[in-house]
Amino acid sequence: MKHLIILGDGMADWAVPSLEGKTLLQYADTPYMDRLARMGRTGILKTVADGFHPGSEVANMSVMGYDLPKVYEGRGVLEAASIGVDLQPGDMVMRCNIVCVEGDMLKNHSAGHITTEEADVLIKYLEKELGSERIHFYTGVQYRHLLVVKGGDKRIACIPPHDIPLQPFRPNMVKAICPEAQETADLLNDLIIKSQELLAKHPVNLKRIAEGKDPANSIWPWSPGYRPKMEPLAEKYPSIRKGSVITAVDLIRGIGRYAGLRCIDVEGATGLYNTNYEGKAQAAIEALKTDDFVYLHIEASDEAGHEGDVPLKLKTIEYLDKRVVGPIYETIKDWEEPVAIAVLPDHPTPCELRTHTSEPVPFLIYYPGIEPDETLAYDEVSCRKGGYGQLEKDEFMNLFMNIN
């Protein structure tokens, strides 16, 4: 038995009054996910361990069965692995968004979805102007980049920028948790202010403003950590002799690398609603021909949730169903070697809130020969009554990988 996880990032949501009081998964037209739920078994999964912020890194590592208190070191280290930054002992690495600040307000966490090409110019400019033997900036993807501080103290409180859209940025800047970390907090806050001074009149931003786009006029460092000690999935699940991860997001690619999975790039994969759904589905199908385990990650619903755009998020959910789940199922359903399929989000990203929450998420599992439960549709409400009940920690991954 081969194993495929299809993860719709941030796909879960709250009930929306304008959608007849239904959640987006309830309201969306998702014939394939509903079909797999009817033919398979469902449940809900607690993906955010107690005491952890409901970030995508926390939730995706949890879905893969990792013990968060033992291995979690923040987003930055995962994205560093993805882009090949070799961390040395004592290096503190952080996710470094390029954001849009308007007056005293953090307007959005993505600088209006700046392109990687534009961001690369700005990051290299910041490295030239603010980099030193101790401080280095590295280009990632779109608005997601890295900041490495040698000798930095990670005992600092950093608020993710996607948690504070349209809020004043100054009260939410970095704070030391202990006196020893005050120097690190002061250093980072100084970099934020200096970045705003440098980026305000950069040609890239002047051009964006002229085109009616949000400028990328500030950095926002967050999620500090050191190199983690993650056990490769193959050591925990011997059936994974060869595995792969398919994603447009550095964060997930980094988790995959530490997990011992090969990373498959798909042309036209953007992490947004216009991503190459068909290309990612085909990449998963091809990977399943040689690999035992495939982790297919689709970011689009999460970004739509952060924008608070209900129609767009509905579209991303329906695209996932028709352009990913459907084609994959229709292709593999008659294979000689069967494939177990799991579909789930990592966390909710309610459009009303425009950020992540930690409620358990619905999941479905289907494989030929499974005994169905009584669930008739795939959504937050239906799956609560599913045969698997509520799972947490590594229970989902242990259950899924023991299907053979």
Protein backbone atom coordinates (compact mmCIF):
# COMPACT_ATOMS: atom_id res chain seq x y z
CA MET A 1 0.00 0.00 0.00
CA LYS A 2 1.29 3.45 -0.95
CA HIS A 3 0.30 6.53 1.03
CA LEU A 4 -0.71 10.02 -0.14
CA ILE A 5 -1.58 13.00 2.05
CA ILE A 6 -3.33 15.90 0.29
CA LEU A 7 -3.17 18.92 2.56
CA GLY A 8 -5.23 22.04 1.84
CA ASP A 9 -3.48 24.64 3.97
CA GLY A 10 -5.91 26.69 6.09
CA MET A 11 -8.90 25.10 4.34
CA ALA A 12 -11.04 24.77 7.49
CA ASP A 13 -13.10 27.76 8.57
CA TRP A 14 -15.94 29.00 10.77
CA ALA A 15 -19.61 29.25 9.90
CA VAL A 16 -20.24 32.24 7.61
CA PRO A 17 -23.60 34.08 7.88
CA SER A 18 -23.58 35.00 4.18
CA LEU A 19 -23.25 31.29 3.31
CA GLU A 20 -26.47 30.28 5.05
CA GLY A 21 -24.53 29.82 8.29
CA LYS A 22 -22.40 27.08 6.78
CA THR A 23 -18.64 26.73 6.78
CA LEU A 24 -16.87 27.09 3.44
CA LEU A 25 -16.26 23.32 3.25
CA GLN A 26 -19.97 22.74 3.85
CA TYR A 27 -21.00 25.31 1.24
CA ALA A 28 -18.41 24.56 -1.46
CA ASP A 29 -19.11 22.15 -4.33
CA THR A 30 -16.64 19.35 -3.54
CA PRO A 31 -17.94 16.14 -5.11
CA TYR A 32 -14.66 14.23 -4.90
CA MET A 33 -13.85 14.99 -1.26
CA ASP A 34 -17.46 14.19 -0.35
CA ARG A 35 -17.24 10.95 -2.34
CA LEU A 36 -14.05 9.87 -0.57
CA ALA A 37 -15.63 10.74 2.77
CA ARG A 38 -18.65 8.53 1.96
CA MET A 39 -16.47 5.65 0.76
CA GLY A 40 -13.93 6.03 3.55
CA ARG A 41 -13.74 7.02 7.17
CA THR A 42 -13.44 10.41 8.81
CA GLY A 43 -12.60 12.17 12.03
CA ILE A 44 -11.08 15.33 13.42
CA LEU A 45 -7.44 15.94 14.28
CA LYS A 46 -5.91 18.26 16.86
CA THR A 47 -2.89 19.59 14.98
CA VAL A 48 -1.79 22.33 17.38
CA ALA A 49 -0.16 21.03 20.55
CA ASP A 50 -1.04 22.75 23.81
CA GLY A 51 1.03 25.86 24.36
CA PHE A 52 1.93 26.29 20.68
CA HIS A 53 0.90 29.06 18.31
CA PRO A 54 -1.27 27.69 15.45
CA GLY A 55 1.32 28.25 12.73
CA SER A 56 1.61 26.18 9.56
CA GLU A 57 4.98 24.83 10.70
CA VAL A 58 3.49 23.56 13.97
CA ALA A 59 0.44 22.05 12.28
CA ASN A 60 2.23 20.39 9.36
CA MET A 61 4.89 18.88 11.62
CA SER A 62 2.08 17.59 13.81
CA VAL A 63 0.28 16.05 10.82
CA MET A 64 3.53 14.21 10.00
CA GLY A 65 3.61 12.79 13.50
CA TYR A 66 6.38 14.84 15.10
CA ASP A 67 6.43 15.55 18.84
CA LEU A 68 6.43 19.36 18.83
CA PRO A 69 7.87 19.96 22.32
CA LYS A 70 10.89 17.83 21.35
CA VAL A 71 11.68 19.13 17.85
CA TYR A 72 10.12 22.55 17.31
CA GLU A 73 12.57 25.40 16.62
CA GLY A 74 10.39 27.83 14.65
CA ARG A 75 9.77 28.52 10.98
CA GLY A 76 13.07 30.08 10.11
CA VAL A 77 15.16 26.95 10.53
CA LEU A 78 12.78 24.99 8.31
CA GLU A 79 12.95 27.53 5.52
CA ALA A 80 16.72 27.70 5.91
CA ALA A 81 16.87 23.99 5.13
CA SER A 82 14.67 24.55 2.10
CA ILE A 83 16.89 27.19 0.51
CA GLY A 84 20.18 25.60 1.48
CA VAL A 85 21.38 27.93 4.25
CA ASP A 86 23.92 25.98 6.31
CA LEU A 87 23.33 26.91 9.94
CA GLN A 88 26.27 26.93 12.33
CA PRO A 89 26.19 26.42 16.11
CA GLY A 90 24.89 29.58 17.76
CA ASP A 91 23.11 30.83 14.64
CA MET A 92 19.62 32.10 15.41
CA VAL A 93 17.50 32.03 12.28
CA MET A 94 14.18 33.80 11.82
CA ARG A 95 11.47 34.05 9.24
CA CYS A 96 11.78 37.55 7.78
CA ASN A 97 8.67 38.75 5.98
CA ILE A 98 8.74 41.75 3.71
CA VAL A 99 5.55 43.54 4.72
CA CYS A 100 3.63 46.68 3.85
CA VAL A 101 3.50 49.39 6.50
CA GLU A 102 1.20 52.37 6.00
CA GLY A 103 1.80 55.10 8.54
CA ASP A 104 1.89 53.37 11.92
CA MET A 105 -0.19 50.44 10.67
CA LEU A 106 0.93 47.06 9.39
CA LYS A 107 -1.27 46.97 6.31
CA ASN A 108 -0.56 43.38 5.22
CA HIS A 109 1.89 40.54 5.83
CA SER A 110 2.79 39.91 2.18
CA ALA A 111 3.53 43.38 0.75
CA GLY A 112 0.62 42.89 -1.62
CA HIS A 113 1.98 39.48 -2.68
CA ILE A 114 5.29 40.82 -3.93
CA THR A 115 7.03 38.63 -6.51
CA THR A 116 10.17 36.69 -5.67
CA GLU A 117 12.04 38.63 -8.34
CA GLU A 118 11.17 41.99 -6.79
CA ALA A 119 11.83 40.75 -3.27
CA ASP A 120 15.23 39.37 -4.23
CA VAL A 121 16.36 42.86 -5.23
CA LEU A 122 15.20 44.26 -1.89
CA ILE A 123 16.72 41.48 0.22
CA LYS A 124 20.08 41.82 -1.51
CA TYR A 125 19.89 45.58 -0.93
CA LEU A 126 19.23 45.02 2.78
CA GLU A 127 22.12 42.55 2.97
CA LYS A 128 24.40 45.17 1.45
CA GLU A 129 23.20 47.99 3.73
CA LEU A 130 22.45 46.17 6.98
CA GLY A 131 24.34 42.88 6.72
CA SER A 132 27.51 42.25 8.72
CA GLU A 133 29.61 39.41 10.08
CA ARG A 134 26.81 38.87 12.56
CA ILE A 135 23.69 39.66 10.47
CA HIS A 136 22.72 38.11 7.14
CA PHE A 137 19.60 38.28 4.96
CA TYR A 138 18.70 35.46 2.55
CA THR A 139 16.11 35.50 -0.25
CA GLY A 140 13.31 32.98 0.03
CA VAL A 141 10.06 32.97 -1.96
CA GLN A 142 7.68 35.91 -2.54
CA TYR A 143 7.36 37.70 0.82
CA ARG A 144 8.96 34.89 2.88
CA HIS A 145 12.68 35.38 3.59
CA LEU A 146 15.32 34.66 6.22
CA LEU A 147 17.34 36.59 8.76
CA VAL A 148 20.28 34.92 10.53
CA VAL A 149 21.78 36.49 13.64
CA LYS A 150 24.96 34.89 14.96
CA GLY A 151 24.77 34.60 18.72
CA GLY A 152 21.14 35.68 18.83
CA ASP A 153 19.04 34.76 21.85
CA LYS A 154 15.75 33.14 20.84
CA ARG A 155 14.08 33.98 24.14
CA ILE A 156 12.11 36.76 22.53
CA ALA A 157 8.41 37.30 21.86
CA CYS A 158 7.64 37.85 18.17
CA ILE A 159 4.14 38.24 16.76
CA PRO A 160 3.56 36.77 13.27
CA PRO A 161 2.66 39.60 10.88
CA HIS A 162 -0.35 37.72 9.52
CA ASP A 163 -1.84 37.89 13.03
CA ILE A 164 -1.93 41.70 13.11
CA PRO A 165 -3.24 43.01 9.77
CA LEU A 166 -4.47 46.61 9.97
CA GLN A 167 -3.04 47.02 13.49
CA PRO A 168 -0.34 49.43 14.74
CA PHE A 169 3.03 47.77 14.28
CA ARG A 170 5.03 49.47 17.06
CA PRO A 171 3.23 47.85 20.03
CA ASN A 172 3.78 44.48 18.31
CA MET A 173 7.52 44.72 17.78
CA VAL A 174 9.99 42.26 19.32
CA LYS A 175 10.07 41.94 23.11
CA ALA A 176 12.65 40.19 25.31
CA ILE A 177 11.32 37.37 27.48
CA CYS A 178 14.32 37.57 29.82
CA PRO A 179 16.97 40.24 30.50
CA GLU A 180 19.64 38.28 28.63
CA ALA A 181 17.61 38.54 25.41
CA GLN A 182 17.14 42.31 25.53
CA GLU A 183 20.17 42.95 23.29
CA THR A 184 18.72 40.64 20.62
CA ALA A 185 15.29 42.30 20.83
CA ASP A 186 16.83 45.77 20.53
CA LEU A 187 18.92 44.65 17.56
CA LEU A 188 15.89 43.27 15.71
CA ASN A 189 13.71 46.31 16.37
CA ASP A 190 16.51 48.54 15.15
CA LEU A 191 16.69 46.50 11.94
CA ILE A 192 12.92 46.91 11.43
CA ILE A 193 13.11 50.70 11.68
CA LYS A 194 16.25 50.94 9.53
CA SER A 195 14.66 48.72 6.88
CA GLN A 196 11.71 51.12 6.67
CA GLU A 197 14.07 54.05 6.14
CA LEU A 198 15.98 52.19 3.42
CA LEU A 199 13.05 50.63 1.58
CA ALA A 200 10.74 53.66 1.50
CA LYS A 201 12.27 55.18 -1.62
CA HIS A 202 13.79 52.11 -3.24
CA PRO A 203 13.10 52.01 -7.02
CA VAL A 204 11.26 48.69 -6.68
CA ASN A 205 8.78 50.28 -4.28
CA LEU A 206 8.45 53.51 -6.22
CA LYS A 207 7.51 51.42 -9.24
CA ARG A 208 5.00 49.37 -7.21
CA ILE A 209 3.37 52.53 -5.86
CA ALA A 210 3.15 53.99 -9.37
CA GLU A 211 1.38 50.79 -10.46
CA GLY A 212 -1.11 51.05 -7.60
CA LYS A 213 0.46 48.18 -5.63
CA ASP A 214 1.39 48.04 -1.96
CA PRO A 215 5.07 48.82 -1.34
CA ALA A 216 7.32 46.28 0.38
CA ASN A 217 8.61 48.85 2.83
CA SER A 218 9.54 46.98 6.01
CA ILE A 219 10.95 43.72 7.28
CA TRP A 220 9.20 41.78 10.03
CA PRO A 221 11.37 39.11 11.72
CA TRP A 222 9.64 36.39 13.73
CA SER A 223 9.71 32.71 14.76
CA PRO A 224 13.30 32.46 16.06
CA GLY A 225 15.11 29.17 16.53
CA TYR A 226 18.21 27.05 16.12
CA ARG A 227 18.84 23.98 13.98
CA PRO A 228 16.28 21.28 15.01
CA LYS A 229 16.86 17.58 15.67
CA MET A 230 14.17 15.87 13.60
CA GLU A 231 14.01 12.12 13.09
CA PRO A 232 13.59 11.18 9.40
CA LEU A 233 10.13 9.73 8.78
CA ALA A 234 11.68 6.53 7.41
CA GLU A 235 13.12 5.78 10.85
CA LYS A 236 9.70 6.02 12.48
CA TYR A 237 7.72 4.46 9.64
CA PRO A 238 9.75 1.69 7.96
CA SER A 239 7.20 1.45 5.12
CA ILE A 240 8.51 4.81 3.86
CA ARG A 241 11.51 3.58 1.94
CA LYS A 242 11.25 6.54 -0.40
CA GLY A 243 9.10 9.62 0.08
CA SER A 244 8.55 13.06 -1.39
CA VAL A 245 6.98 16.43 -0.66
CA ILE A 246 5.34 18.71 -3.26
CA THR A 247 4.82 22.34 -2.26
CA ALA A 248 5.34 25.94 -3.33
CA VAL A 249 6.20 27.02 0.22
CA ASP A 250 9.75 27.06 1.61
CA LEU A 251 8.48 26.25 5.08
CA ILE A 252 6.96 22.93 3.99
CA ARG A 253 9.95 22.14 1.79
CA GLY A 254 12.20 22.62 4.81
CA ILE A 255 10.08 20.27 6.94
CA GLY A 256 10.32 17.78 4.11
CA ARG A 257 14.10 17.97 3.99
CA TYR A 258 14.49 17.41 7.72
CA ALA A 259 11.94 14.57 7.42
CA GLY A 260 14.12 12.88 4.81
CA LEU A 261 11.76 13.48 1.88
CA ARG A 262 12.85 14.57 -1.57
CA CYS A 263 11.41 17.90 -2.67
CA ILE A 264 9.65 18.05 -6.03
CA ASP A 265 9.37 21.44 -7.72
CA VAL A 266 6.43 22.12 -10.01
CA GLU A 267 6.59 24.86 -12.63
CA GLY A 268 3.91 27.47 -12.05
CA ALA A 269 3.35 26.54 -8.39
CA THR A 270 2.81 29.88 -6.66
CA GLY A 271 1.25 29.24 -3.26
CA LEU A 272 -1.73 31.39 -4.34
CA TYR A 273 -5.14 30.71 -5.90
CA ASN A 274 -3.55 30.80 -9.37
CA THR A 275 -1.12 27.98 -8.60
CA ASN A 276 -0.59 25.13 -11.05
CA TYR A 277 -3.11 22.70 -9.58
CA GLU A 278 -2.93 20.28 -12.50
CA GLY A 279 0.87 20.30 -12.43
CA LYS A 280 0.96 19.51 -8.73
CA ALA A 281 -1.61 16.71 -9.15
CA GLN A 282 0.41 15.19 -11.98
CA ALA A 283 3.61 15.48 -9.97
CA ALA A 284 1.95 13.54 -7.14
CA ILE A 285 0.78 10.84 -9.55
CA GLU A 286 4.28 10.47 -11.01
CA ALA A 287 5.85 10.42 -7.55
CA LEU A 288 3.50 7.66 -6.41
CA LYS A 289 4.84 5.45 -9.22
CA THR A 290 8.22 5.29 -7.46
CA ASP A 291 7.66 6.51 -3.89
CA ASP A 292 5.92 4.92 -0.93
CA PHE A 293 4.79 8.22 0.61
CA VAL A 294 3.84 11.57 -0.96
CA TYR A 295 2.94 14.75 0.92
CA LEU A 296 1.10 17.11 -1.43
CA HIS A 297 0.69 20.59 0.05
CA ILE A 298 -1.58 23.28 -1.48
CA GLU A 299 -1.27 26.76 0.08
CA ALA A 300 -4.02 28.67 -1.75
CA SER A 301 -6.88 28.47 0.78
CA ASP A 302 -4.67 29.78 3.58
CA GLU A 303 -3.74 32.90 1.62
CA ALA A 304 -7.39 33.54 0.75
CA GLY A 305 -8.29 33.19 4.42
CA HIS A 306 -5.62 35.72 5.40
CA GLU A 307 -7.15 38.14 2.91
CA GLY A 308 -10.62 37.59 4.41
CA ASP A 309 -11.91 36.81 0.91
CA VAL A 310 -14.79 34.32 1.21
CA PRO A 311 -15.52 33.96 -2.55
CA LEU A 312 -11.82 33.45 -3.28
CA LYS A 313 -11.44 30.86 -0.54
CA LEU A 314 -14.50 29.00 -1.84
CA LYS A 315 -12.87 28.97 -5.26
CA THR A 316 -9.60 27.56 -3.87
CA ILE A 317 -11.44 24.77 -2.07
CA GLU A 318 -13.38 23.86 -5.21
CA TYR A 319 -10.20 24.03 -7.30
CA LEU A 320 -8.49 21.64 -4.88
CA ASP A 321 -11.37 19.20 -5.24
CA LYS A 322 -11.79 19.32 -9.02
CA ARG A 323 -8.23 19.94 -10.14
CA VAL A 324 -6.26 17.92 -7.60
CA VAL A 325 -8.29 15.38 -5.62
CA GLY A 326 -10.45 14.35 -8.58
CA PRO A 327 -7.70 13.78 -11.18
CA ILE A 328 -5.53 11.93 -8.67
CA TYR A 329 -8.34 9.65 -7.55
CA GLU A 330 -9.48 8.88 -11.09
CA THR A 331 -5.92 7.97 -12.08
CA ILE A 332 -4.92 5.79 -9.14
CA LYS A 333 -8.21 4.09 -8.25
CA ASP A 334 -7.49 1.06 -10.45
CA TRP A 335 -3.76 0.72 -9.84
CA GLU A 336 -2.50 -2.76 -9.08
CA GLU A 337 -0.79 -1.48 -5.94
CA PRO A 338 -3.47 0.45 -4.01
CA VAL A 339 -2.98 3.93 -2.59
CA ALA A 340 -4.31 5.11 0.76
CA ILE A 341 -5.45 8.75 0.47
CA ALA A 342 -5.83 11.22 3.33
CA VAL A 343 -7.28 14.70 2.82
CA LEU A 344 -7.15 17.40 5.49
CA PRO A 345 -6.13 20.98 6.29
CA ASP A 346 -3.34 21.77 8.73
CA HIS A 347 -5.36 24.36 10.70
CA PRO A 348 -8.36 26.64 10.17
CA THR A 349 -7.77 30.11 8.70
CA PRO A 350 -11.18 31.75 9.20
CA CYS A 351 -11.93 34.54 6.75
CA GLU A 352 -13.64 36.42 9.57
CA LEU A 353 -10.47 36.43 11.66
CA ARG A 354 -7.91 36.49 8.82
CA THR A 355 -5.42 34.40 10.79
CA HIS A 356 -4.91 30.84 12.04
CA THR A 357 -6.82 29.19 14.86
CA SER A 358 -6.16 25.98 16.77
CA GLU A 359 -9.47 24.11 16.54
CA PRO A 360 -9.24 20.47 15.43
CA VAL A 361 -9.52 19.98 11.67
CA PRO A 362 -11.59 17.47 9.67
CA PHE A 363 -9.83 14.61 7.90
CA LEU A 364 -10.80 11.73 5.67
CA ILE A 365 -8.99 8.50 4.87
CA TYR A 366 -9.86 6.27 1.94
CA TYR A 367 -8.30 3.15 0.47
CA PRO A 368 -9.73 0.18 -1.43
CA GLY A 369 -11.37 -2.20 1.00
CA ILE A 370 -11.83 0.23 3.88
CA GLU A 371 -15.02 -0.19 5.89
CA PRO A 372 -16.91 3.12 5.57
CA ASP A 373 -18.39 4.96 8.50
CA GLU A 374 -21.68 6.87 8.27
CA THR A 375 -20.20 10.22 7.19
CA LEU A 376 -21.80 11.52 3.99
CA ALA A 377 -19.73 14.66 3.34
CA TYR A 378 -16.33 16.15 4.03
CA ASP A 379 -16.57 19.20 6.27
CA GLU A 380 -15.95 20.38 9.82
CA VAL A 381 -19.39 19.36 11.10
CA SER A 382 -19.82 15.98 9.37
CA CYS A 383 -16.37 14.70 10.27
CA ARG A 384 -16.95 15.28 13.99
CA LYS A 385 -19.29 12.29 13.84
CA GLY A 386 -16.77 10.15 11.90
CA GLY A 387 -15.60 6.70 12.87
CA TYR A 388 -12.11 7.80 13.87
CA GLY A 389 -13.35 10.31 16.44
CA GLN A 390 -10.80 12.91 17.56
CA LEU A 391 -7.10 12.14 17.21
CA GLU A 392 -4.07 14.09 18.42
CA LYS A 393 -0.27 14.02 18.55
CA ASP A 394 1.05 11.19 16.32
CA GLU A 395 -2.19 9.18 16.35
CA PHE A 396 -3.22 10.24 12.84
CA MET A 397 0.14 9.45 11.22
CA ASN A 398 0.48 6.16 13.10
CA LEU A 399 -3.00 5.15 11.99
CA PHE A 400 -2.44 6.21 8.40
CA MET A 401 0.99 4.65 7.95
CA ASN A 402 -0.13 1.35 9.48
CA ILE A 403 -2.62 0.89 6.64
CA ASN A 404 -1.18 -1.89 4.47
